[in-house]
């Protein structure tokens, strides 16, 4: 019975130790990437071989985007005209044409 308890406590201790090591490793990786992001990006072809680039394409892309803090791709669209096109004076109703003529004669 004590041997089972010893094995159980030993496995728990090992699991916790592995978990701590994994967390430390992740912290170090994040620190390293934040500290050396420029170098990693500029030497991407030296860091990854062609085969590893192909094999880990999705992870490398995710890593590259994290390094650059890229936003999702957004296509720029040209906005439409700010206002409707001007209307020719001949197309205006008669009463508006007369108002415009009166305004222009008062300005002079």
PDB file of N, CA and C in Angstrom:
ATOM      1  N   UNK A   1       0.817  -1.186   0.000  1.00  0.00           N
ATOM      2  CA  UNK A   1       0.000   0.000   0.000  1.00  0.00           C
ATOM      3  C   UNK A   1       0.864   1.254   0.000  1.00  0.00           C
ATOM      4  N   UNK A   2       1.935   1.249   0.765  1.00  0.00           N
ATOM      5  CA  UNK A   2       2.829   2.399   0.782  1.00  0.00           C
ATOM      6  C   UNK A   2       3.568   2.549  -0.541  1.00  0.00           C
ATOM      7  N   UNK A   3       3.832   1.432  -1.203  1.00  0.00           N
ATOM      8  CA  UNK A   3       4.520   1.514  -2.496  1.00  0.00           C
ATOM      9  C   UNK A   3       3.601   2.156  -3.540  1.00  0.00           C
ATOM     10  N   UNK A   4       2.322   1.860  -3.492  1.00  0.00           N
ATOM     11  CA  UNK A   4       1.368   2.493  -4.410  1.00  0.00           C
ATOM     12  C   UNK A   4       1.269   3.993  -4.135  1.00  0.00           C
ATOM     13  N   UNK A   5       1.229   4.343  -2.856  1.00  0.00           N
ATOM     14  CA  UNK A   5       1.196   5.758  -2.494  1.00  0.00           C
ATOM     15  C   UNK A   5       2.465   6.456  -2.968  1.00  0.00           C
ATOM     16  N   UNK A   6       3.603   5.800  -2.771  1.00  0.00           N
ATOM     17  CA  UNK A   6       4.873   6.372  -3.203  1.00  0.00           C
ATOM     18  C   UNK A   6       4.885   6.569  -4.720  1.00  0.00           C
ATOM     19  N   UNK A   7       4.407   5.560  -5.484  1.00  0.00           N
ATOM     20  CA  UNK A   7       4.355   5.667  -6.942  1.00  0.00           C
ATOM     21  C   UNK A   7       3.407   6.789  -7.374  1.00  0.00           C
ATOM     22  N   UNK A   8       2.281   6.865  -6.725  1.00  0.00           N
ATOM     23  CA  UNK A   8       1.300   7.900  -7.064  1.00  0.00           C
ATOM     24  C   UNK A   8       1.878   9.288  -6.792  1.00  0.00           C
ATOM     25  N   UNK A   9       2.450   9.484  -5.615  1.00  0.00           N
ATOM     26  CA  UNK A   9       3.010  10.800  -5.275  1.00  0.00           C
ATOM     27  C   UNK A   9       4.188  11.132  -6.183  1.00  0.00           C
ATOM     28  N   UNK A  10       4.967  10.131  -6.542  1.00  0.00           N
ATOM     29  CA  UNK A  10       6.096  10.353  -7.449  1.00  0.00           C
ATOM     30  C   UNK A  10       5.603  10.769  -8.839  1.00  0.00           C
ATOM     31  N   UNK A  11       4.538  10.109  -9.332  1.00  0.00           N
ATOM     32  CA  UNK A  11       4.016  10.474 -10.656  1.00  0.00           C
ATOM     33  C   UNK A  11       3.421  11.883 -10.635  1.00  0.00           C
ATOM     34  N   UNK A  12       2.764  12.257  -9.542  1.00  0.00           N
ATOM     35  CA  UNK A  12       2.223  13.619  -9.415  1.00  0.00           C
ATOM     36  C   UNK A  12       3.373  14.631  -9.405  1.00  0.00           C
ATOM     37  N   UNK A  13       4.401  14.348  -8.661  1.00  0.00           N
ATOM     38  CA  UNK A  13       5.553  15.254  -8.581  1.00  0.00           C
ATOM     39  C   UNK A  13       6.215  15.414  -9.950  1.00  0.00           C
ATOM     40  N   UNK A  14       6.363  14.318 -10.675  1.00  0.00           N
ATOM     41  CA  UNK A  14       6.974  14.382 -12.016  1.00  0.00           C
ATOM     42  C   UNK A  14       6.087  15.169 -12.981  1.00  0.00           C
ATOM     43  N   UNK A  15       4.777  14.946 -12.899  1.00  0.00           N
ATOM     44  CA  UNK A  15       3.852  15.668 -13.776  1.00  0.00           C
ATOM     45  C   UNK A  15       3.912  17.165 -13.506  1.00  0.00           C
ATOM     46  N   UNK A  16       3.924  17.550 -12.248  1.00  0.00           N
ATOM     47  CA  UNK A  16       4.016  18.969 -11.898  1.00  0.00           C
ATOM     48  C   UNK A  16       5.348  19.571 -12.344  1.00  0.00           C
ATOM     49  N   UNK A  17       6.412  18.794 -12.225  1.00  0.00           N
ATOM     50  CA  UNK A  17       7.727  19.275 -12.657  1.00  0.00           C
ATOM     51  C   UNK A  17       7.746  19.501 -14.173  1.00  0.00           C
ATOM     52  N   UNK A  18       7.157  18.547 -14.929  1.00  0.00           N
ATOM     53  CA  UNK A  18       7.076  18.699 -16.386  1.00  0.00           C
ATOM     54  C   UNK A  18       6.240  19.917 -16.765  1.00  0.00           C
ATOM     55  N   UNK A  19       5.145  20.113 -16.040  1.00  0.00           N
ATOM     56  CA  UNK A  19       4.280  21.262 -16.313  1.00  0.00           C
ATOM     57  C   UNK A  19       5.039  22.565 -16.073  1.00  0.00           C
ATOM     58  N   UNK A  20       5.775  22.651 -14.976  1.00  0.00           N
ATOM     59  CA  UNK A  20       6.572  23.844 -14.686  1.00  0.00           C
ATOM     60  C   UNK A  20       7.624  24.075 -15.764  1.00  0.00           C
ATOM     61  N   UNK A  21       8.285  23.010 -16.187  1.00  0.00           N
ATOM     62  CA  UNK A  21       9.301  23.146 -17.236  1.00  0.00           C
ATOM     63  C   UNK A  21       8.682  23.628 -18.546  1.00  0.00           C
ATOM     64  N   UNK A  22       7.516  23.095 -18.887  1.00  0.00           N
ATOM     65  CA  UNK A  22       6.822  23.518 -20.107  1.00  0.00           C
ATOM     66  C   UNK A  22       6.451  24.997 -20.039  1.00  0.00           C
ATOM     67  N   UNK A  23       5.957  25.442 -18.891  1.00  0.00           N
ATOM     68  CA  UNK A  23       5.600  26.851 -18.727  1.00  0.00           C
ATOM     69  C   UNK A  23       6.832  27.741 -18.827  1.00  0.00           C
ATOM     70  N   UNK A  24       7.938  27.331 -18.209  1.00  0.00           N
ATOM     71  CA  UNK A  24       9.180  28.104 -18.302  1.00  0.00           C
ATOM     72  C   UNK A  24       9.679  28.169 -19.740  1.00  0.00           C
ATOM     73  N   UNK A  25       9.563  27.053 -20.449  1.00  0.00           N
ATOM     74  CA  UNK A  25       9.994  27.009 -21.841  1.00  0.00           C
ATOM     75  C   UNK A  25       9.142  27.941 -22.699  1.00  0.00           C
ATOM     76  N   UNK A  26       7.825  27.932 -22.488  1.00  0.00           N
ATOM     77  CA  UNK A  26       6.941  28.826 -23.240  1.00  0.00           C
ATOM     78  C   UNK A  26       7.245  30.289 -22.933  1.00  0.00           C
ATOM     79  N   UNK A  27       7.490  30.615 -21.669  1.00  0.00           N
ATOM     80  CA  UNK A  27       7.848  31.986 -21.294  1.00  0.00           C
ATOM     81  C   UNK A  27       9.131  32.415 -21.989  1.00  0.00           C
ATOM     82  N   UNK A  28      10.126  31.519 -21.991  1.00  0.00           N
ATOM     83  CA  UNK A  28      11.397  31.855 -22.626  1.00  0.00           C
ATOM     84  C   UNK A  28      11.211  32.050 -24.126  1.00  0.00           C
ATOM     85  N   UNK A  29      10.436  31.190 -24.756  1.00  0.00           N
ATOM     86  CA  UNK A  29      10.207  31.330 -26.200  1.00  0.00           C
ATOM     87  C   UNK A  29       9.539  32.654 -26.525  1.00  0.00           C
ATOM     88  N   UNK A  30       8.516  33.016 -25.751  1.00  0.00           N
ATOM     89  CA  UNK A  30       7.846  34.296 -25.982  1.00  0.00           C
ATOM     90  C   UNK A  30       8.806  35.461 -25.759  1.00  0.00           C
ATOM     91  N   UNK A  31       9.608  35.392 -24.699  1.00  0.00           N
ATOM     92  CA  UNK A  31      10.576  36.446 -24.441  1.00  0.00           C
ATOM     93  C   UNK A  31      11.577  36.545 -25.589  1.00  0.00           C
ATOM     94  N   UNK A  32      12.092  35.385 -26.034  1.00  0.00           N
ATOM     95  CA  UNK A  32      13.076  35.368 -27.108  1.00  0.00           C
ATOM     96  C   UNK A  32      12.488  35.969 -28.382  1.00  0.00           C
ATOM     97  N   UNK A  33      11.261  35.567 -28.736  1.00  0.00           N
ATOM     98  CA  UNK A  33      10.650  36.087 -29.955  1.00  0.00           C
ATOM     99  C   UNK A  33      10.387  37.584 -29.854  1.00  0.00           C
ATOM    100  N   UNK A  34       9.936  38.033 -28.687  1.00  0.00           N
ATOM    101  CA  UNK A  34       9.687  39.468 -28.560  1.00  0.00           C
ATOM    102  C   UNK A  34      10.994  40.258 -28.608  1.00  0.00           C
ATOM    103  N   UNK A  35      12.051  39.695 -28.062  1.00  0.00           N
ATOM    104  CA  UNK A  35      13.343  40.374 -28.021  1.00  0.00           C
ATOM    105  C   UNK A  35      14.051  40.357 -29.382  1.00  0.00           C
ATOM    106  N   UNK A  36      13.922  39.254 -30.109  1.00  0.00           N
ATOM    107  CA  UNK A  36      14.681  39.068 -31.350  1.00  0.00           C
ATOM    108  C   UNK A  36      13.787  38.909 -32.582  1.00  0.00           C
ATOM    109  N   UNK A  37      12.611  39.503 -32.557  1.00  0.00           N
ATOM    110  CA  UNK A  37      11.669  39.351 -33.672  1.00  0.00           C
ATOM    111  C   UNK A  37      12.264  39.844 -34.986  1.00  0.00           C
ATOM    112  N   UNK A  38      12.922  40.984 -34.957  1.00  0.00           N
ATOM    113  CA  UNK A  38      13.527  41.533 -36.177  1.00  0.00           C
ATOM    114  C   UNK A  38      14.550  40.603 -36.790  1.00  0.00           C
ATOM    115  N   UNK A  39      15.404  40.035 -35.945  1.00  0.00           N
ATOM    116  CA  UNK A  39      16.430  39.129 -36.456  1.00  0.00           C
ATOM    117  C   UNK A  39      15.795  37.871 -37.033  1.00  0.00           C
ATOM    118  N   UNK A  40      14.814  37.309 -36.327  1.00  0.00           N
ATOM    119  CA  UNK A  40      14.156  36.081 -36.812  1.00  0.00           C
ATOM    120  C   UNK A  40      13.528  36.321 -38.170  1.00  0.00           C
ATOM    121  N   UNK A  41      12.862  37.454 -38.323  1.00  0.00           N
ATOM    122  CA  UNK A  41      12.194  37.754 -39.594  1.00  0.00           C
ATOM    123  C   UNK A  41      13.211  37.966 -40.708  1.00  0.00           C
ATOM    124  N   UNK A  42      14.276  38.694 -40.424  1.00  0.00           N
ATOM    125  CA  UNK A  42      15.264  38.961 -41.484  1.00  0.00           C
ATOM    126  C   UNK A  42      16.089  37.732 -41.851  1.00  0.00           C
ATOM    127  N   UNK A  43      16.209  36.756 -40.945  1.00  0.00           N
ATOM    128  CA  UNK A  43      16.982  35.543 -41.227  1.00  0.00           C
ATOM    129  C   UNK A  43      16.099  34.306 -41.332  1.00  0.00           C
ATOM    130  N   UNK A  44      14.850  34.492 -41.752  1.00  0.00           N
ATOM    131  CA  UNK A  44      13.897  33.388 -41.822  1.00  0.00           C
ATOM    132  C   UNK A  44      14.402  32.257 -42.719  1.00  0.00           C
ATOM    133  N   UNK A  45      15.052  32.608 -43.825  1.00  0.00           N
ATOM    134  CA  UNK A  45      15.531  31.564 -44.737  1.00  0.00           C
ATOM    135  C   UNK A  45      16.694  30.772 -44.147  1.00  0.00           C
ATOM    136  N   UNK A  46      17.444  31.351 -43.221  1.00  0.00           N
ATOM    137  CA  UNK A  46      18.547  30.637 -42.583  1.00  0.00           C
ATOM    138  C   UNK A  46      18.074  29.798 -41.398  1.00  0.00           C
ATOM    139  N   UNK A  47      17.030  30.257 -40.735  1.00  0.00           N
ATOM    140  CA  UNK A  47      16.532  29.559 -39.550  1.00  0.00           C
ATOM    141  C   UNK A  47      15.788  28.284 -39.949  1.00  0.00           C
ATOM    142  N   UNK A  48      14.994  28.362 -41.003  1.00  0.00           N
ATOM    143  CA  UNK A  48      14.189  27.223 -41.435  1.00  0.00           C
ATOM    144  C   UNK A  48      14.687  26.714 -42.787  1.00  0.00           C
ATOM    145  N   UNK A  49      14.860  25.404 -42.872  1.00  0.00           N
ATOM    146  CA  UNK A  49      15.242  24.794 -44.138  1.00  0.00           C
ATOM    147  C   UNK A  49      14.011  24.745 -45.038  1.00  0.00           C
ATOM    148  N   UNK A  50      14.190  24.562 -46.349  1.00  0.00           N
ATOM    149  CA  UNK A  50      13.020  24.487 -47.236  1.00  0.00           C
ATOM    150  C   UNK A  50      12.037  23.385 -46.830  1.00  0.00           C
ATOM    151  N   UNK A  51      12.566  22.245 -46.402  1.00  0.00           N
ATOM    152  CA  UNK A  51      11.681  21.152 -46.004  1.00  0.00           C
ATOM    153  C   UNK A  51      10.899  21.503 -44.734  1.00  0.00           C
ATOM    154  N   UNK A  52      11.573  22.118 -43.771  1.00  0.00           N
ATOM    155  CA  UNK A  52      10.861  22.487 -42.537  1.00  0.00           C
ATOM    156  C   UNK A  52       9.875  23.626 -42.803  1.00  0.00           C
ATOM    157  N   UNK A  53      10.221  24.533 -43.722  1.00  0.00           N
ATOM    158  CA  UNK A  53       9.274  25.601 -44.070  1.00  0.00           C
ATOM    159  C   UNK A  53       8.010  25.016 -44.654  1.00  0.00           C
ATOM    160  N   UNK A  54       8.149  24.035 -45.533  1.00  0.00           N
ATOM    161  CA  UNK A  54       6.982  23.404 -46.153  1.00  0.00           C
ATOM    162  C   UNK A  54       6.192  22.605 -45.117  1.00  0.00           C
ATOM    163  N   UNK A  55       6.896  21.901 -44.274  1.00  0.00           N
ATOM    164  CA  UNK A  55       6.234  21.033 -43.296  1.00  0.00           C
ATOM    165  C   UNK A  55       5.473  21.818 -42.234  1.00  0.00           C
ATOM    166  N   UNK A  56       6.066  22.914 -41.784  1.00  0.00           N
ATOM    167  CA  UNK A  56       5.469  23.707 -40.705  1.00  0.00           C
ATOM    168  C   UNK A  56       4.950  25.053 -41.204  1.00  0.00           C
ATOM    169  N   UNK A  57       4.472  25.083 -42.429  1.00  0.00           N
ATOM    170  CA  UNK A  57       4.037  26.340 -43.049  1.00  0.00           C
ATOM    171  C   UNK A  57       3.013  27.089 -42.196  1.00  0.00           C
ATOM    172  N   UNK A  58       2.000  26.400 -41.682  1.00  0.00           N
ATOM    173  CA  UNK A  58       0.948  27.057 -40.895  1.00  0.00           C
ATOM    174  C   UNK A  58       1.514  27.640 -39.607  1.00  0.00           C
ATOM    175  N   UNK A  59       2.359  26.866 -38.921  1.00  0.00           N
ATOM    176  CA  UNK A  59       2.935  27.355 -37.665  1.00  0.00           C
ATOM    177  C   UNK A  59       3.901  28.512 -37.914  1.00  0.00           C
ATOM    178  N   UNK A  60       4.668  28.431 -38.989  1.00  0.00           N
ATOM    179  CA  UNK A  60       5.602  29.514 -39.309  1.00  0.00           C
ATOM    180  C   UNK A  60       4.827  30.778 -39.660  1.00  0.00           C
ATOM    181  N   UNK A  61       3.745  30.619 -40.392  1.00  0.00           N
ATOM    182  CA  UNK A  61       2.925  31.779 -40.737  1.00  0.00           C
ATOM    183  C   UNK A  61       2.342  32.420 -39.485  1.00  0.00           C
ATOM    184  N   UNK A  62       1.875  31.584 -38.571  1.00  0.00           N
ATOM    185  CA  UNK A  62       1.337  32.102 -37.308  1.00  0.00           C
ATOM    186  C   UNK A  62       2.429  32.818 -36.513  1.00  0.00           C
ATOM    187  N   UNK A  63       3.612  32.231 -36.479  1.00  0.00           N
ATOM    188  CA  UNK A  63       4.745  32.830 -35.786  1.00  0.00           C
ATOM    189  C   UNK A  63       5.125  34.162 -36.422  1.00  0.00           C
ATOM    190  N   UNK A  64       5.168  34.194 -37.737  1.00  0.00           N
ATOM    191  CA  UNK A  64       5.522  35.407 -38.473  1.00  0.00           C
ATOM    192  C   UNK A  64       4.510  36.514 -38.173  1.00  0.00           C
ATOM    193  N   UNK A  65       3.225  36.160 -38.141  1.00  0.00           N
ATOM    194  CA  UNK A  65       2.197  37.154 -37.848  1.00  0.00           C
ATOM    195  C   UNK A  65       2.288  37.637 -36.413  1.00  0.00           C
ATOM    196  N   UNK A  66       2.634  36.741 -35.489  1.00  0.00           N
ATOM    197  CA  UNK A  66       2.814  37.173 -34.102  1.00  0.00           C
ATOM    198  C   UNK A  66       3.988  38.141 -33.996  1.00  0.00           C
ATOM    199  N   UNK A  67       5.058  37.846 -34.736  1.00  0.00           N
ATOM    200  CA  UNK A  67       6.237  38.721 -34.675  1.00  0.00           C
ATOM    201  C   UNK A  67       5.917  40.112 -35.201  1.00  0.00           C
ATOM    202  N   UNK A  68       5.164  40.177 -36.249  1.00  0.00           N
ATOM    203  CA  UNK A  68       4.850  41.465 -36.862  1.00  0.00           C
ATOM    204  C   UNK A  68       3.562  42.089 -36.342  1.00  0.00           C
ATOM    205  N   UNK A  69       2.841  41.346 -35.528  1.00  0.00           N
ATOM    206  CA  UNK A  69       1.535  41.800 -35.028  1.00  0.00           C
ATOM    207  C   UNK A  69       0.633  42.208 -36.192  1.00  0.00           C
ATOM    208  N   UNK A  70       0.552  41.331 -37.189  1.00  0.00           N
ATOM    209  CA  UNK A  70      -0.254  41.632 -38.359  1.00  0.00           C
ATOM    210  C   UNK A  70      -1.738  41.476 -38.070  1.00  0.00           C
ATOM    211  N   UNK A  71      -2.512  42.274 -38.711  1.00  0.00           N
ATOM    212  CA  UNK A  71      -3.959  42.162 -38.660  1.00  0.00           C
ATOM    213  C   UNK A  71      -4.398  41.308 -39.849  1.00  0.00           C
ATOM    214  N   UNK A  72      -5.603  40.760 -39.794  1.00  0.00           N
ATOM    215  CA  UNK A  72      -6.077  39.997 -40.947  1.00  0.00           C
ATOM    216  C   UNK A  72      -6.090  40.869 -42.202  1.00  0.00           C
ATOM    217  N   UNK A  73      -5.924  40.232 -43.334  1.00  0.00           N
ATOM    218  CA  UNK A  73      -5.869  40.939 -44.604  1.00  0.00           C
ATOM    219  C   UNK A  73      -7.178  41.664 -44.867  1.00  0.00           C
ATOM    220  N   UNK A  74      -7.089  42.923 -45.216  1.00  0.00           N
ATOM    221  CA  UNK A  74      -8.270  43.704 -45.554  1.00  0.00           C
ATOM    222  C   UNK A  74      -8.021  44.377 -46.890  1.00  0.00           C
ATOM    223  N   UNK A  75      -8.901  44.132 -47.831  1.00  0.00           N
ATOM    224  CA  UNK A  75      -8.764  44.747 -49.140  1.00  0.00           C
ATOM    225  C   UNK A  75      -9.348  46.150 -49.088  1.00  0.00           C
ATOM    226  N   UNK A  76      -8.608  47.110 -49.591  1.00  0.00           N
ATOM    227  CA  UNK A  76      -9.070  48.488 -49.604  1.00  0.00           C
ATOM    228  C   UNK A  76     -10.028  48.676 -50.765  1.00  0.00           C
ATOM    229  N   UNK A  77     -11.165  49.270 -50.489  1.00  0.00           N
ATOM    230  CA  UNK A  77     -12.117  49.592 -51.548  1.00  0.00           C
ATOM    231  C   UNK A  77     -12.246  51.101 -51.635  1.00  0.00           C
ATOM    232  N   UNK A  78     -12.302  51.592 -52.839  1.00  0.00           N
ATOM    233  CA  UNK A  78     -12.430  53.028 -53.062  1.00  0.00           C
ATOM    234  C   UNK A  78     -13.854  53.441 -52.721  1.00  0.00           C
ATOM    235  N   UNK A  79     -14.008  54.447 -51.885  1.00  0.00           N
ATOM    236  CA  UNK A  79     -15.367  54.871 -51.553  1.00  0.00           C
ATOM    237  C   UNK A  79     -16.069  55.469 -52.760  1.00  0.00           C
ATOM    238  N   UNK A  80     -17.383  55.427 -52.716  1.00  0.00           N
ATOM    239  CA  UNK A  80     -18.176  55.994 -53.806  1.00  0.00           C
ATOM    240  C   UNK A  80     -18.104  57.506 -53.802  1.00  0.00           C
ATOM    241  N   UNK A  81     -18.804  58.137 -54.729  1.00  0.00           N
ATOM    242  CA  UNK A  81     -18.768  59.605 -54.784  1.00  0.00           C
ATOM    243  C   UNK A  81     -19.340  60.203 -53.492  1.00  0.00           C
ATOM    244  N   UNK A  82     -18.769  61.335 -53.088  1.00  0.00           N
ATOM    245  CA  UNK A  82     -19.171  61.965 -51.842  1.00  0.00           C
ATOM    246  C   UNK A  82     -20.583  62.541 -51.933  1.00  0.00           C
ATOM    247  N   UNK A  83     -20.956  63.008 -53.062  1.00  0.00           N
ATOM    248  CA  UNK A  83     -22.301  63.571 -53.236  1.00  0.00           C
ATOM    249  C   UNK A  83     -22.803  63.218 -54.633  1.00  0.00           C
ATOM    250  N   UNK A  84     -24.093  63.360 -54.856  1.00  0.00           N
ATOM    251  CA  UNK A  84     -24.585  63.030 -56.203  1.00  0.00           C
ATOM    252  C   UNK A  84     -24.006  63.993 -57.239  1.00  0.00           C
ATOM    253  N   UNK A  85     -23.960  63.552 -58.476  1.00  0.00           N
ATOM    254  CA  UNK A  85     -23.399  64.425 -59.511  1.00  0.00           C
ATOM    255  C   UNK A  85     -24.255  65.691 -59.666  1.00  0.00           C
ATOM    256  N   UNK A  86     -23.632  66.787 -60.064  1.00  0.00           N
ATOM    257  CA  UNK A  86     -24.400  68.033 -60.206  1.00  0.00           C
ATOM    258  C   UNK A  86     -25.480  67.903 -61.281  1.00  0.00           C
ATOM    259  N   UNK A  87     -26.570  68.584 -61.046  1.00  0.00           N
ATOM    260  CA  UNK A  87     -27.697  68.543 -61.986  1.00  0.00           C
ATOM    261  C   UNK A  87     -27.619  69.784 -62.865  1.00  0.00           C
ATOM    262  N   UNK A  88     -27.817  69.581 -64.134  1.00  0.00           N
ATOM    263  CA  UNK A  88     -27.791  70.717 -65.062  1.00  0.00           C
ATOM    264  C   UNK A  88     -28.979  71.630 -64.759  1.00  0.00           C
ATOM    265  N   UNK A  89     -28.774  72.913 -64.966  1.00  0.00           N
ATOM    266  CA  UNK A  89     -29.810  73.886 -64.629  1.00  0.00           C
ATOM    267  C   UNK A  89     -31.079  73.661 -65.459  1.00  0.00           C
ATOM    268  N   UNK A  90     -30.955  73.153 -66.670  1.00  0.00           N
ATOM    269  CA  UNK A  90     -32.123  72.932 -67.520  1.00  0.00           C
ATOM    270  C   UNK A  90     -32.994  71.784 -66.987  1.00  0.00           C
ATOM    271  N   UNK A  91     -32.413  70.883 -66.193  1.00  0.00           N
ATOM    272  CA  UNK A  91     -33.163  69.745 -65.673  1.00  0.00           C
ATOM    273  C   UNK A  91     -33.927  70.086 -64.394  1.00  0.00           C
ATOM    274  N   UNK A  92     -33.654  71.242 -63.791  1.00  0.00           N
ATOM    275  CA  UNK A  92     -34.350  71.634 -62.573  1.00  0.00           C
ATOM    276  C   UNK A  92     -35.792  72.039 -62.879  1.00  0.00           C
ATOM    277  N   UNK A  93     -36.675  71.874 -61.904  1.00  0.00           N
ATOM    278  CA  UNK A  93     -38.047  72.367 -62.106  1.00  0.00           C
ATOM    279  C   UNK A  93     -38.046  73.892 -62.298  1.00  0.00           C
ATOM    280  N   UNK A  94     -39.096  74.412 -62.926  1.00  0.00           N
ATOM    281  CA  UNK A  94     -39.181  75.843 -63.267  1.00  0.00           C
ATOM    282  C   UNK A  94     -39.012  76.738 -62.045  1.00  0.00           C
ATOM    283  N   UNK A  95     -39.670  76.396 -60.939  1.00  0.00           N
ATOM    284  CA  UNK A  95     -39.589  77.277 -59.765  1.00  0.00           C
ATOM    285  C   UNK A  95     -38.170  77.369 -59.219  1.00  0.00           C
ATOM    286  N   UNK A  96     -37.415  76.264 -59.239  1.00  0.00           N
ATOM    287  CA  UNK A  96     -36.019  76.311 -58.782  1.00  0.00           C
ATOM    288  C   UNK A  96     -35.134  77.088 -59.748  1.00  0.00           C
ATOM    289  N   UNK A  97     -35.405  76.951 -61.036  1.00  0.00           N
ATOM    290  CA  UNK A  97     -34.639  77.725 -62.015  1.00  0.00           C
ATOM    291  C   UNK A  97     -34.829  79.219 -61.778  1.00  0.00           C
ATOM    292  N   UNK A  98     -36.071  79.622 -61.488  1.00  0.00           N
ATOM    293  CA  UNK A  98     -36.355  81.042 -61.247  1.00  0.00           C
ATOM    294  C   UNK A  98     -35.678  81.514 -59.962  1.00  0.00           C
ATOM    295  N   UNK A  99     -35.647  80.667 -58.916  1.00  0.00           N
ATOM    296  CA  UNK A  99     -34.969  81.039 -57.664  1.00  0.00           C
ATOM    297  C   UNK A  99     -33.487  81.257 -57.895  1.00  0.00           C
ATOM    298  N   UNK A 100     -32.876  80.356 -58.650  1.00  0.00           N
ATOM    299  CA  UNK A 100     -31.449  80.495 -58.933  1.00  0.00           C
ATOM    300  C   UNK A 100     -31.156  81.756 -59.730  1.00  0.00           C
ATOM    301  N   UNK A 101     -32.027  82.067 -60.691  1.00  0.00           N
ATOM    302  CA  UNK A 101     -31.829  83.293 -61.496  1.00  0.00           C
ATOM    303  C   UNK A 101     -31.985  84.530 -60.613  1.00  0.00           C
ATOM    304  N   UNK A 102     -32.946  84.484 -59.671  1.00  0.00           N
ATOM    305  CA  UNK A 102     -33.138  85.628 -58.765  1.00  0.00           C
ATOM    306  C   UNK A 102     -31.937  85.790 -57.860  1.00  0.00           C
ATOM    307  N   UNK A 103     -31.400  84.658 -57.337  1.00  0.00           N
ATOM    308  CA  UNK A 103     -30.222  84.725 -56.465  1.00  0.00           C
ATOM    309  C   UNK A 103     -29.028  85.294 -57.190  1.00  0.00           C
ATOM    310  N   UNK A 104     -28.825  84.899 -58.443  1.00  0.00           N
ATOM    311  CA  UNK A 104     -27.661  85.357 -59.194  1.00  0.00           C
ATOM    312  C   UNK A 104     -27.817  86.837 -59.559  1.00  0.00           C
ATOM    313  N   UNK A 105     -29.036  87.296 -59.780  1.00  0.00           N
ATOM    314  CA  UNK A 105     -29.240  88.720 -60.114  1.00  0.00           C
ATOM    315  C   UNK A 105     -29.074  89.581 -58.863  1.00  0.00           C
ATOM    316  N   UNK A 106     -29.390  89.062 -57.680  1.00  0.00           N
ATOM    317  CA  UNK A 106     -29.202  89.830 -56.443  1.00  0.00           C
ATOM    318  C   UNK A 106     -27.739  89.961 -56.088  1.00  0.00           C
ATOM    319  N   UNK A 107     -26.944  88.956 -56.417  1.00  0.00           N
ATOM    320  CA  UNK A 107     -25.504  88.991 -56.112  1.00  0.00           C
ATOM    321  C   UNK A 107     -24.796  90.084 -56.904  1.00  0.00           C
ATOM    322  N   UNK A 108     -25.299  90.409 -58.072  1.00  0.00           N
ATOM    323  CA  UNK A 108     -24.611  91.376 -58.937  1.00  0.00           C
ATOM    324  C   UNK A 108     -24.928  92.736 -58.549  1.00  0.00           C
TER     325      UNK A 108
END
